[in-house]
PDB file of N, CA and C in Angstrom:
ATOM      1  N   MET A   1       0.839  -1.333   0.125  1.00  0.00           N
ATOM      2  CA  MET A   1       0.000  -0.088   0.095  1.00  0.00           C
ATOM      3  C   MET A   1       0.875   1.211  -0.220  1.00  0.00           C
ATOM      4  N   ARG A   2       0.513   2.086  -0.592  1.00  0.00           N
ATOM      5  CA  ARG A   2       1.061   3.461  -0.857  1.00  0.00           C
ATOM      6  C   ARG A   2       1.098   4.222   0.310  1.00  0.00           C
ATOM      7  N   THR A   3       1.657   5.458   0.916  1.00  0.00           N
ATOM      8  CA  THR A   3       1.464   6.150   1.723  1.00  0.00           C
ATOM      9  C   THR A   3       0.559   7.542   0.989  1.00  0.00           C
ATOM     10  N   GLN A   4      -0.391   7.893   1.969  1.00  0.00           N
ATOM     11  CA  GLN A   4      -1.192   9.212   1.153  1.00  0.00           C
ATOM     12  C   GLN A   4      -0.451  10.297   0.486  1.00  0.00           C
ATOM     13  N   GLU A   5       0.956  10.430   0.936  1.00  0.00           N
ATOM     14  CA  GLU A   5       1.554  11.342   0.347  1.00  0.00           C
ATOM     15  C   GLU A   5       1.809  10.676  -0.908  1.00  0.00           C
ATOM     16  N   GLN A   6       2.032   9.703  -1.469  1.00  0.00           N
ATOM     17  CA  GLN A   6       2.408   9.305  -2.741  1.00  0.00           C
ATOM     18  C   GLN A   6       1.231   9.062  -3.630  1.00  0.00           C
ATOM     19  N   GLN A   7       0.473   9.040  -2.942  1.00  0.00           N
ATOM     20  CA  GLN A   7      -1.048   8.845  -3.881  1.00  0.00           C
ATOM     21  C   GLN A   7      -1.356  10.083  -4.103  1.00  0.00           C
ATOM     22  N   ILE A   8      -0.909  11.308  -3.622  1.00  0.00           N
ATOM     23  CA  ILE A   8      -1.244  12.867  -3.886  1.00  0.00           C
ATOM     24  C   ILE A   8      -0.140  12.893  -4.740  1.00  0.00           C
ATOM     25  N   ARG A   9       1.052  12.845  -4.841  1.00  0.00           N
ATOM     26  CA  ARG A   9       2.070  12.707  -5.539  1.00  0.00           C
ATOM     27  C   ARG A   9       1.516  12.336  -7.172  1.00  0.00           C
ATOM     28  N   HIS A  10       0.905  11.065  -7.135  1.00  0.00           N
ATOM     29  CA  HIS A  10       0.639  10.211  -8.276  1.00  0.00           C
ATOM     30  C   HIS A  10      -0.479  11.156  -9.151  1.00  0.00           C
ATOM     31  N   ILE A  11      -1.431  11.687  -8.155  1.00  0.00           N
ATOM     32  CA  ILE A  11      -2.965  12.415  -8.397  1.00  0.00           C
ATOM     33  C   ILE A  11      -2.464  13.427  -9.338  1.00  0.00           C
ATOM     34  N   LYS A  12      -1.413  14.399  -8.717  1.00  0.00           N
ATOM     35  CA  LYS A  12      -0.636  15.605  -9.274  1.00  0.00           C
ATOM     36  C   LYS A  12       0.151  15.460 -10.223  1.00  0.00           C
ATOM     37  N   ALA A  13       0.448  14.475 -10.258  1.00  0.00           N
ATOM     38  CA  ALA A  13       1.430  13.958 -11.741  1.00  0.00           C
ATOM     39  C   ALA A  13       0.560  13.827 -12.854  1.00  0.00           C
ATOM     40  N   TRP A  14      -0.248  13.016 -12.449  1.00  0.00           N
ATOM     41  CA  TRP A  14      -1.351  12.353 -13.376  1.00  0.00           C
ATOM     42  C   TRP A  14      -2.096  13.482 -13.954  1.00  0.00           C
ATOM     43  N   GLN A  15      -2.469  14.532 -13.402  1.00  0.00           N
ATOM     44  CA  GLN A  15      -3.192  15.873 -13.663  1.00  0.00           C
ATOM     45  C   GLN A  15      -2.332  16.776 -14.463  1.00  0.00           C
ATOM     46  N   MET A  16      -0.820  16.708 -14.156  1.00  0.00           N
ATOM     47  CA  MET A  16      -0.215  17.901 -15.191  1.00  0.00           C
ATOM     48  C   MET A  16       0.328  16.895 -16.236  1.00  0.00           C
ATOM     49  N   SER A  17       0.035  15.758 -16.495  1.00  0.00           N
ATOM     50  CA  SER A  17       0.441  14.589 -17.488  1.00  0.00           C
ATOM     51  C   SER A  17      -0.327  14.804 -18.652  1.00  0.00           C
ATOM     52  N   GLY A  18      -1.321  15.090 -18.657  1.00  0.00           N
ATOM     53  CA  GLY A  18      -2.186  15.439 -19.819  1.00  0.00           C
ATOM     54  C   GLY A  18      -2.491  13.778 -20.452  1.00  0.00           C
ATOM     55  N   LEU A  19      -2.442  12.771 -19.560  1.00  0.00           N
ATOM     56  CA  LEU A  19      -2.735  11.483 -20.386  1.00  0.00           C
ATOM     57  C   LEU A  19      -4.084  10.958 -19.011  1.00  0.00           C
ATOM     58  N   THR A  20      -4.954   9.889 -20.055  1.00  0.00           N
ATOM     59  CA  THR A  20      -6.195   9.510 -19.435  1.00  0.00           C
ATOM     60  C   THR A  20      -5.257   8.910 -17.843  1.00  0.00           C
ATOM     61  N   GLN A  21      -6.610   8.499 -17.304  1.00  0.00           N
ATOM     62  CA  GLN A  21      -6.176   7.857 -15.728  1.00  0.00           C
ATOM     63  C   GLN A  21      -5.637   6.397 -16.588  1.00  0.00           C
ATOM     64  N   ALA A  22      -6.237   5.717 -17.300  1.00  0.00           N
ATOM     65  CA  ALA A  22      -5.468   4.428 -17.341  1.00  0.00           C
ATOM     66  C   ALA A  22      -4.313   4.410 -18.105  1.00  0.00           C
ATOM     67  N   ALA A  23      -4.073   5.271 -19.059  1.00  0.00           N
ATOM     68  CA  ALA A  23      -2.902   5.524 -19.707  1.00  0.00           C
ATOM     69  C   ALA A  23      -1.598   6.044 -18.641  1.00  0.00           C
ATOM     70  N   TYR A  24      -1.999   6.546 -17.784  1.00  0.00           N
ATOM     71  CA  TYR A  24      -0.975   7.099 -16.520  1.00  0.00           C
ATOM     72  C   TYR A  24      -0.754   5.688 -15.662  1.00  0.00           C
ATOM     73  N   CYS A  25      -1.854   4.952 -15.125  1.00  0.00           N
ATOM     74  CA  CYS A  25      -1.799   4.095 -14.318  1.00  0.00           C
ATOM     75  C   CYS A  25      -0.945   2.736 -15.137  1.00  0.00           C
ATOM     76  N   ARG A  26      -1.169   2.480 -16.319  1.00  0.00           N
ATOM     77  CA  ARG A  26      -0.360   1.711 -17.183  1.00  0.00           C
ATOM     78  C   ARG A  26       1.133   2.017 -17.182  1.00  0.00           C
ATOM     79  N   ASP A  27       1.115   3.242 -17.366  1.00  0.00           N
ATOM     80  CA  ASP A  27       2.459   3.764 -17.298  1.00  0.00           C
ATOM     81  C   ASP A  27       3.494   3.751 -16.269  1.00  0.00           C
ATOM     82  N   HIS A  28       2.834   3.719 -15.258  1.00  0.00           N
ATOM     83  CA  HIS A  28       3.259   3.690 -13.813  1.00  0.00           C
ATOM     84  C   HIS A  28       3.197   2.565 -12.922  1.00  0.00           C
ATOM     85  N   GLY A  29       2.583   1.268 -13.465  1.00  0.00           N
ATOM     86  CA  GLY A  29       2.036   0.253 -13.083  1.00  0.00           C
ATOM     87  C   GLY A  29       1.282   0.076 -12.062  1.00  0.00           C
ATOM     88  N   LEU A  30       0.352   1.236 -11.880  1.00  0.00           N
ATOM     89  CA  LEU A  30      -0.949   1.212 -10.810  1.00  0.00           C
ATOM     90  C   LEU A  30      -2.030   0.565 -11.376  1.00  0.00           C
ATOM     91  N   ASN A  31      -2.656   0.100 -10.491  1.00  0.00           N
ATOM     92  CA  ASN A  31      -3.932  -0.465 -10.650  1.00  0.00           C
ATOM     93  C   ASN A  31      -5.071   0.822 -10.695  1.00  0.00           C
ATOM     94  N   SER A  32      -5.711   0.798 -12.012  1.00  0.00           N
ATOM     95  CA  SER A  32      -6.659   2.172 -12.428  1.00  0.00           C
ATOM     96  C   SER A  32      -8.124   2.121 -11.614  1.00  0.00           C
ATOM     97  N   LYS A  33      -8.163   1.390 -11.125  1.00  0.00           N
ATOM     98  CA  LYS A  33      -9.328   1.198 -10.104  1.00  0.00           C
ATOM     99  C   LYS A  33      -8.969   1.822  -8.493  1.00  0.00           C
ATOM    100  N   THR A  34      -7.376   1.232  -8.372  1.00  0.00           N
ATOM    101  CA  THR A  34      -7.097   1.811  -6.918  1.00  0.00           C
ATOM    102  C   THR A  34      -7.259   3.345  -7.272  1.00  0.00           C
ATOM    103  N   PHE A  35      -6.214   3.822  -8.237  1.00  0.00           N
ATOM    104  CA  PHE A  35      -6.223   4.951  -8.545  1.00  0.00           C
ATOM    105  C   PHE A  35      -7.411   5.984  -8.246  1.00  0.00           C
ATOM    106  N   GLY A  36      -8.367   5.475  -8.915  1.00  0.00           N
ATOM    107  CA  GLY A  36      -9.889   6.169  -9.163  1.00  0.00           C
ATOM    108  C   GLY A  36     -10.403   6.197  -7.807  1.00  0.00           C
ATOM    109  N   ASN A  37      -9.746   5.299  -6.701  1.00  0.00           N
ATOM    110  CA  ASN A  37     -10.193   5.337  -5.495  1.00  0.00           C
ATOM    111  C   ASN A  37      -9.478   6.407  -4.631  1.00  0.00           C
ATOM    112  N   TRP A  38      -8.303   6.410  -5.006  1.00  0.00           N
ATOM    113  CA  TRP A  38      -7.408   7.579  -4.434  1.00  0.00           C
ATOM    114  C   TRP A  38      -7.893   8.728  -4.873  1.00  0.00           C
ATOM    115  N   LEU A  39      -8.285   9.324  -6.168  1.00  0.00           N
ATOM    116  CA  LEU A  39      -8.768  10.385  -6.443  1.00  0.00           C
ATOM    117  C   LEU A  39      -9.772  11.007  -6.271  1.00  0.00           C
ATOM    118  N   ARG A  40     -10.922   9.740  -5.802  1.00  0.00           N
ATOM    119  CA  ARG A  40     -12.265  10.044  -5.273  1.00  0.00           C
ATOM    120  C   ARG A  40     -11.989  10.701  -3.927  1.00  0.00           C
ATOM    121  N   THR A  41     -11.138   9.739  -3.139  1.00  0.00           N
ATOM    122  CA  THR A  41     -10.831  10.429  -1.667  1.00  0.00           C
ATOM    123  C   THR A  41     -10.253  11.738  -1.714  1.00  0.00           C
ATOM    124  N   TYR A  42      -9.215  12.003  -2.553  1.00  0.00           N
ATOM    125  CA  TYR A  42      -8.498  13.117  -2.848  1.00  0.00           C
ATOM    126  C   TYR A  42      -9.384  14.561  -2.787  1.00  0.00           C
ATOM    127  N   ARG A  43     -10.490  14.164  -4.060  1.00  0.00           N
ATOM    128  CA  ARG A  43     -11.225  15.134  -4.072  1.00  0.00           C
ATOM    129  C   ARG A  43     -12.511  15.376  -3.098  1.00  0.00           C
ATOM    130  N   ASP A  44     -12.996  14.323  -2.305  1.00  0.00           N
ATOM    131  CA  ASP A  44     -13.602  14.746  -1.224  1.00  0.00           C
ATOM    132  C   ASP A  44     -12.756  15.629  -0.302  1.00  0.00           C
ATOM    133  N   VAL A  45     -11.645  14.936  -0.067  1.00  0.00           N
ATOM    134  CA  VAL A  45     -10.780  16.307   1.075  1.00  0.00           C
ATOM    135  C   VAL A  45     -10.652  17.481   0.638  1.00  0.00           C
ATOM    136  N   GLN A  46     -10.566  17.838  -0.405  1.00  0.00           N
ATOM    137  CA  GLN A  46     -10.382  18.958  -1.435  1.00  0.00           C
ATOM    138  C   GLN A  46     -11.383  19.554  -0.798  1.00  0.00           C
ATOM    139  N   LYS A  47     -12.809  19.241  -1.461  1.00  0.00           N
ATOM    140  CA  LYS A  47     -14.012  19.825  -1.447  1.00  0.00           C
ATOM    141  C   LYS A  47     -14.614  20.324  -0.104  1.00  0.00           C
ATOM    142  N   HIS A  48     -14.121  19.506   1.198  1.00  0.00           N
ATOM    143  CA  HIS A  48     -14.744  19.340   2.579  1.00  0.00           C
ATOM    144  C   HIS A  48     -13.657  20.637   2.797  1.00  0.00           C
ATOM    145  N   SER A  49     -12.333  20.748   2.521  1.00  0.00           N
ATOM    146  CA  SER A  49     -11.472  21.885   3.272  1.00  0.00           C
ATOM    147  C   SER A  49     -11.441  23.145   2.747  1.00  0.00           C
ATOM    148  N   GLN A  50     -12.258  23.134   1.672  1.00  0.00           N
ATOM    149  CA  GLN A  50     -12.457  24.352   0.984  1.00  0.00           C
ATOM    150  C   GLN A  50     -13.139  25.807   2.207  1.00  0.00           C
ATOM    151  N   ARG A  51     -12.822  26.568   1.921  1.00  0.00           N
ATOM    152  CA  ARG A  51     -13.132  27.670   2.837  1.00  0.00           C
ATOM    153  C   ARG A  51     -15.204  27.970   2.437  1.00  0.00           C
ATOM    154  N   THR A  52     -15.633  28.303   3.411  1.00  0.00           N
ATOM    155  CA  THR A  52     -17.382  28.399   2.935  1.00  0.00           C
ATOM    156  C   THR A  52     -17.289  29.945   2.292  1.00  0.00           C
ATOM    157  N   SER A  53     -17.899  29.955   1.532  1.00  0.00           N
ATOM    158  CA  SER A  53     -18.335  31.010   0.740  1.00  0.00           C
ATOM    159  C   SER A  53     -19.542  31.563   1.104  1.00  0.00           C
ATOM    160  N   LEU A  54     -19.777  32.693   0.917  1.00  0.00           N
ATOM    161  CA  LEU A  54     -20.675  33.636   1.221  1.00  0.00           C
ATOM    162  C   LEU A  54     -21.646  33.806  -0.325  1.00  0.00           C
ATOM    163  N   ILE A  55     -23.016  33.523   0.161  1.00  0.00           N
ATOM    164  CA  ILE A  55     -23.862  33.792  -0.815  1.00  0.00           C
ATOM    165  C   ILE A  55     -24.479  35.025  -0.713  1.00  0.00           C
ATOM    166  N   PRO A  56     -24.722  35.908  -1.533  1.00  0.00           N
ATOM    167  CA  PRO A  56     -25.081  37.152  -1.153  1.00  0.00           C
ATOM    168  C   PRO A  56     -26.780  36.812  -1.085  1.00  0.00           C
ATOM    169  N   VAL A  57     -27.577  37.858  -0.186  1.00  0.00           N
ATOM    170  CA  VAL A  57     -29.259  37.401   0.490  1.00  0.00           C
ATOM    171  C   VAL A  57     -29.793  38.864   0.621  1.00  0.00           C
ATOM    172  N   THR A  58     -30.597  39.044  -0.176  1.00  0.00           N
ATOM    173  CA  THR A  58     -31.753  39.783  -0.161  1.00  0.00           C
ATOM    174  C   THR A  58     -33.212  39.645   0.424  1.00  0.00           C
ATOM    175  N   ILE A  59     -33.400  40.043   1.646  1.00  0.00           N
ATOM    176  CA  ILE A  59     -34.489  39.607   2.457  1.00  0.00           C
ATOM    177  C   ILE A  59     -35.834  40.729   2.255  1.00  0.00           C
ATOM    178  N   ARG A  60     -36.811  40.211   1.647  1.00  0.00           N
ATOM    179  CA  ARG A  60     -37.627  41.218   1.407  1.00  0.00           C
ATOM    180  C   ARG A  60     -39.163  40.738   2.224  1.00  0.00           C
ATOM    181  N   THR A  61     -39.744  41.948   3.123  1.00  0.00           N
ATOM    182  CA  THR A  61     -41.106  41.311   3.598  1.00  0.00           C
ATOM    183  C   THR A  61     -42.102  41.571   2.302  1.00  0.00           C
ATOM    184  N   THR A  62     -43.103  40.510   2.085  1.00  0.00           N
ATOM    185  CA  THR A  62     -44.198  40.748   1.851  1.00  0.00           C
ATOM    186  C   THR A  62     -44.987  40.014   2.090  1.00  0.00           C
ATOM    187  N   ALA A  63     -46.550  40.288   1.851  1.00  0.00           N
ATOM    188  CA  ALA A  63     -47.658  39.595   2.023  1.00  0.00           C
ATOM    189  C   ALA A  63     -47.593  38.216   2.180  1.00  0.00           C
ATOM    190  N   ALA A  64     -46.807  37.589   1.403  1.00  0.00           N
ATOM    191  CA  ALA A  64     -46.422  36.220   1.481  1.00  0.00           C
ATOM    192  C   ALA A  64     -45.679  35.644   2.687  1.00  0.00           C
ATOM    193  N   THR A  65     -45.181  36.582   3.147  1.00  0.00           N
ATOM    194  CA  THR A  65     -44.135  36.232   4.305  1.00  0.00           C
ATOM    195  C   THR A  65     -45.094  35.535   5.603  1.00  0.00           C
ATOM    196  N   THR A  66     -46.394  35.812   5.546  1.00  0.00           N
ATOM    197  CA  THR A  66     -47.098  35.634   6.923  1.00  0.00           C
ATOM    198  C   THR A  66     -47.806  33.987   6.393  1.00  0.00           C
ATOM    199  N   SER A  67     -47.111  33.891   4.927  1.00  0.00           N
ATOM    200  CA  SER A  67     -47.817  32.490   4.693  1.00  0.00           C
ATOM    201  C   SER A  67     -47.178  31.319   5.323  1.00  0.00           C
ATOM    202  N   GLY A  68     -46.167  31.333   5.927  1.00  0.00           N
ATOM    203  CA  GLY A  68     -45.417  30.235   6.496  1.00  0.00           C
ATOM    204  C   GLY A  68     -44.231  29.425   5.909  1.00  0.00           C
ATOM    205  N   TYR A  69     -43.938  30.400   4.679  1.00  0.00           N
ATOM    206  CA  TYR A  69     -43.123  29.578   3.648  1.00  0.00           C
ATOM    207  C   TYR A  69     -41.930  30.603   3.556  1.00  0.00           C
ATOM    208  N   LEU A  70     -40.928  29.941   3.372  1.00  0.00           N
ATOM    209  CA  LEU A  70     -39.615  30.984   3.126  1.00  0.00           C
ATOM    210  C   LEU A  70     -39.360  30.271   1.713  1.00  0.00           C
ATOM    211  N   LYS A  71     -39.050  31.467   0.771  1.00  0.00           N
ATOM    212  CA  LYS A  71     -38.852  31.379  -0.578  1.00  0.00           C
ATOM    213  C   LYS A  71     -37.512  32.008  -1.237  1.00  0.00           C
ATOM    214  N   LEU A  72     -36.670  30.764  -1.451  1.00  0.00           N
ATOM    215  CA  LEU A  72     -35.533  31.612  -2.237  1.00  0.00           C
ATOM    216  C   LEU A  72     -35.677  31.339  -3.285  1.00  0.00           C
ATOM    217  N   ARG A  73     -35.009  32.531  -4.206  1.00  0.00           N
ATOM    218  CA  ARG A  73     -35.038  32.810  -5.477  1.00  0.00           C
ATOM    219  C   ARG A  73     -33.665  33.030  -5.516  1.00  0.00           C
ATOM    220  N   CYS A  74     -32.907  31.953  -6.616  1.00  0.00           N
ATOM    221  CA  CYS A  74     -31.605  31.761  -7.232  1.00  0.00           C
ATOM    222  C   CYS A  74     -31.458  32.558  -8.096  1.00  0.00           C
ATOM    223  N   SER A  75     -30.316  33.295  -8.482  1.00  0.00           N
ATOM    224  CA  SER A  75     -30.071  34.188  -9.649  1.00  0.00           C
ATOM    225  C   SER A  75     -30.483  33.420 -11.153  1.00  0.00           C
ATOM    226  N   GLY A  76     -30.204  32.106 -10.900  1.00  0.00           N
ATOM    227  CA  GLY A  76     -30.562  31.196 -12.440  1.00  0.00           C
ATOM    228  C   GLY A  76     -32.221  31.366 -12.756  1.00  0.00           C
ATOM    229  N   GLY A  77     -32.923  31.607 -11.811  1.00  0.00           N
ATOM    230  CA  GLY A  77     -34.497  31.665 -11.802  1.00  0.00           C
ATOM    231  C   GLY A  77     -35.120  30.729 -11.029  1.00  0.00           C
ATOM    232  N   HIS A  78     -34.646  29.775 -10.330  1.00  0.00           N
ATOM    233  CA  HIS A  78     -35.166  28.582  -9.641  1.00  0.00           C
ATOM    234  C   HIS A  78     -35.697  29.241  -8.479  1.00  0.00           C
ATOM    235  N   THR A  79     -36.704  28.845  -8.023  1.00  0.00           N
ATOM    236  CA  THR A  79     -37.403  29.148  -6.214  1.00  0.00           C
ATOM    237  C   THR A  79     -37.434  27.548  -5.513  1.00  0.00           C
ATOM    238  N   LEU A  80     -37.090  28.258  -4.436  1.00  0.00           N
ATOM    239  CA  LEU A  80     -37.206  26.933  -3.740  1.00  0.00           C
ATOM    240  C   LEU A  80     -38.100  27.249  -2.218  1.00  0.00           C
ATOM    241  N   GLU A  81     -39.007  26.657  -2.199  1.00  0.00           N
ATOM    242  CA  GLU A  81     -39.777  27.037  -1.021  1.00  0.00           C
ATOM    243  C   GLU A  81     -39.987  26.159   0.119  1.00  0.00           C
ATOM    244  N   LEU A  82     -39.762  26.649   1.326  1.00  0.00           N
ATOM    245  CA  LEU A  82     -39.371  25.772   2.094  1.00  0.00           C
ATOM    246  C   LEU A  82     -40.462  26.282   3.744  1.00  0.00           C
ATOM    247  N   PRO A  83     -40.742  25.612   4.486  1.00  0.00           N
ATOM    248  CA  PRO A  83     -41.314  25.915   5.620  1.00  0.00           C
ATOM    249  C   PRO A  83     -40.405  27.028   6.451  1.00  0.00           C
ATOM    250  N   SER A  84     -41.261  27.917   6.865  1.00  0.00           N
ATOM    251  CA  SER A  84     -40.719  29.201   7.921  1.00  0.00           C
ATOM    252  C   SER A  84     -39.806  28.764   9.022  1.00  0.00           C
ATOM    253  N   ASP A  85     -40.027  27.238   9.759  1.00  0.00           N
ATOM    254  CA  ASP A  85     -39.657  27.094  10.779  1.00  0.00           C
ATOM    255  C   ASP A  85     -38.294  26.204  10.344  1.00  0.00           C
ATOM    256  N   VAL A  86     -37.858  25.929   9.260  1.00  0.00           N
ATOM    257  CA  VAL A  86     -36.700  25.288   8.717  1.00  0.00           C
ATOM    258  C   VAL A  86     -35.564  25.714   9.704  1.00  0.00           C
ATOM    259  N   SER A  87     -34.890  24.442  10.081  1.00  0.00           N
ATOM    260  CA  SER A  87     -33.589  24.956  10.792  1.00  0.00           C
ATOM    261  C   SER A  87     -32.643  25.518  10.252  1.00  0.00           C
ATOM    262  N   PRO A  88     -32.093  26.635  10.523  1.00  0.00           N
ATOM    263  CA  PRO A  88     -30.786  27.351  10.018  1.00  0.00           C
ATOM    264  C   PRO A  88     -29.626  26.625   9.642  1.00  0.00           C
ATOM    265  N   GLN A  89     -29.614  25.722  10.703  1.00  0.00           N
ATOM    266  CA  GLN A  89     -28.172  24.813  10.568  1.00  0.00           C
ATOM    267  C   GLN A  89     -28.692  23.857   8.897  1.00  0.00           C
ATOM    268  N   TRP A  90     -29.848  23.094   8.954  1.00  0.00           N
ATOM    269  CA  TRP A  90     -29.824  22.241   7.871  1.00  0.00           C
ATOM    270  C   TRP A  90     -30.077  23.498   6.581  1.00  0.00           C
ATOM    271  N   LEU A  91     -30.685  24.773   6.641  1.00  0.00           N
ATOM    272  CA  LEU A  91     -30.635  25.284   5.287  1.00  0.00           C
ATOM    273  C   LEU A  91     -29.207  25.695   4.961  1.00  0.00           C
ATOM    274  N   GLY A  92     -28.324  25.891   6.329  1.00  0.00           N
ATOM    275  CA  GLY A  92     -26.900  26.287   5.502  1.00  0.00           C
ATOM    276  C   GLY A  92     -26.229  25.148   4.979  1.00  0.00           C
ATOM    277  N   GLU A  93     -26.595  23.782   5.523  1.00  0.00           N
ATOM    278  CA  GLU A  93     -26.000  22.753   4.922  1.00  0.00           C
ATOM    279  C   GLU A  93     -26.424  22.516   3.299  1.00  0.00           C
ATOM    280  N   LEU A  94     -28.076  22.747   2.889  1.00  0.00           N
ATOM    281  CA  LEU A  94     -28.606  22.731   1.994  1.00  0.00           C
ATOM    282  C   LEU A  94     -27.897  23.869   0.699  1.00  0.00           C
ATOM    283  N   LEU A  95     -27.596  25.038   1.304  1.00  0.00           N
ATOM    284  CA  LEU A  95     -26.943  25.874   0.402  1.00  0.00           C
ATOM    285  C   LEU A  95     -25.553  25.678   0.191  1.00  0.00           C
ATOM    286  N   LYS A  96     -24.751  24.627   1.043  1.00  0.00           N
ATOM    287  CA  LYS A  96     -23.573  24.328   0.733  1.00  0.00           C
ATOM    288  C   LYS A  96     -23.607  23.636  -0.233  1.00  0.00           C
ATOM    289  N   CYS A  97     -24.545  22.590  -0.629  1.00  0.00           N
ATOM    290  CA  CYS A  97     -25.011  21.634  -1.389  1.00  0.00           C
ATOM    291  C   CYS A  97     -25.171  22.332  -3.037  1.00  0.00           C
ATOM    292  N   LEU A  98     -25.738  23.630  -2.913  1.00  0.00           N
ATOM    293  CA  LEU A  98     -26.394  23.962  -3.870  1.00  0.00           C
ATOM    294  C   LEU A  98     -25.019  24.807  -4.725  1.00  0.00           C
ATOM    295  N   ASP A  99     -24.208  25.385  -3.774  1.00  0.00           N
ATOM    296  CA  ASP A  99     -22.997  26.110  -4.392  1.00  0.00           C
ATOM    297  C   ASP A  99     -22.327  25.489  -5.415  1.00  0.00           C
TER     298      ASP A  99
END
């Protein structure tokens, strides 16, 4: 088994190589499925270690506000309607997934 540092070195070398994963693995004597697992783990770690980004929000009070629902309108035109008592932590996790 290779150390995590060796795995990361291979991933970065592959990214710079311009080769497909299969070709890189063949050239370096690596199992392509194992390499794929390393890459998946590496990307998961990278994704979770990224700094949280802020999303600009404008709060508007309308007559619909009293309906008990929270409407989120995205810049792409999509609207998400949620119960107004939704947990702020849950909503934060949802927004991270949509980012």
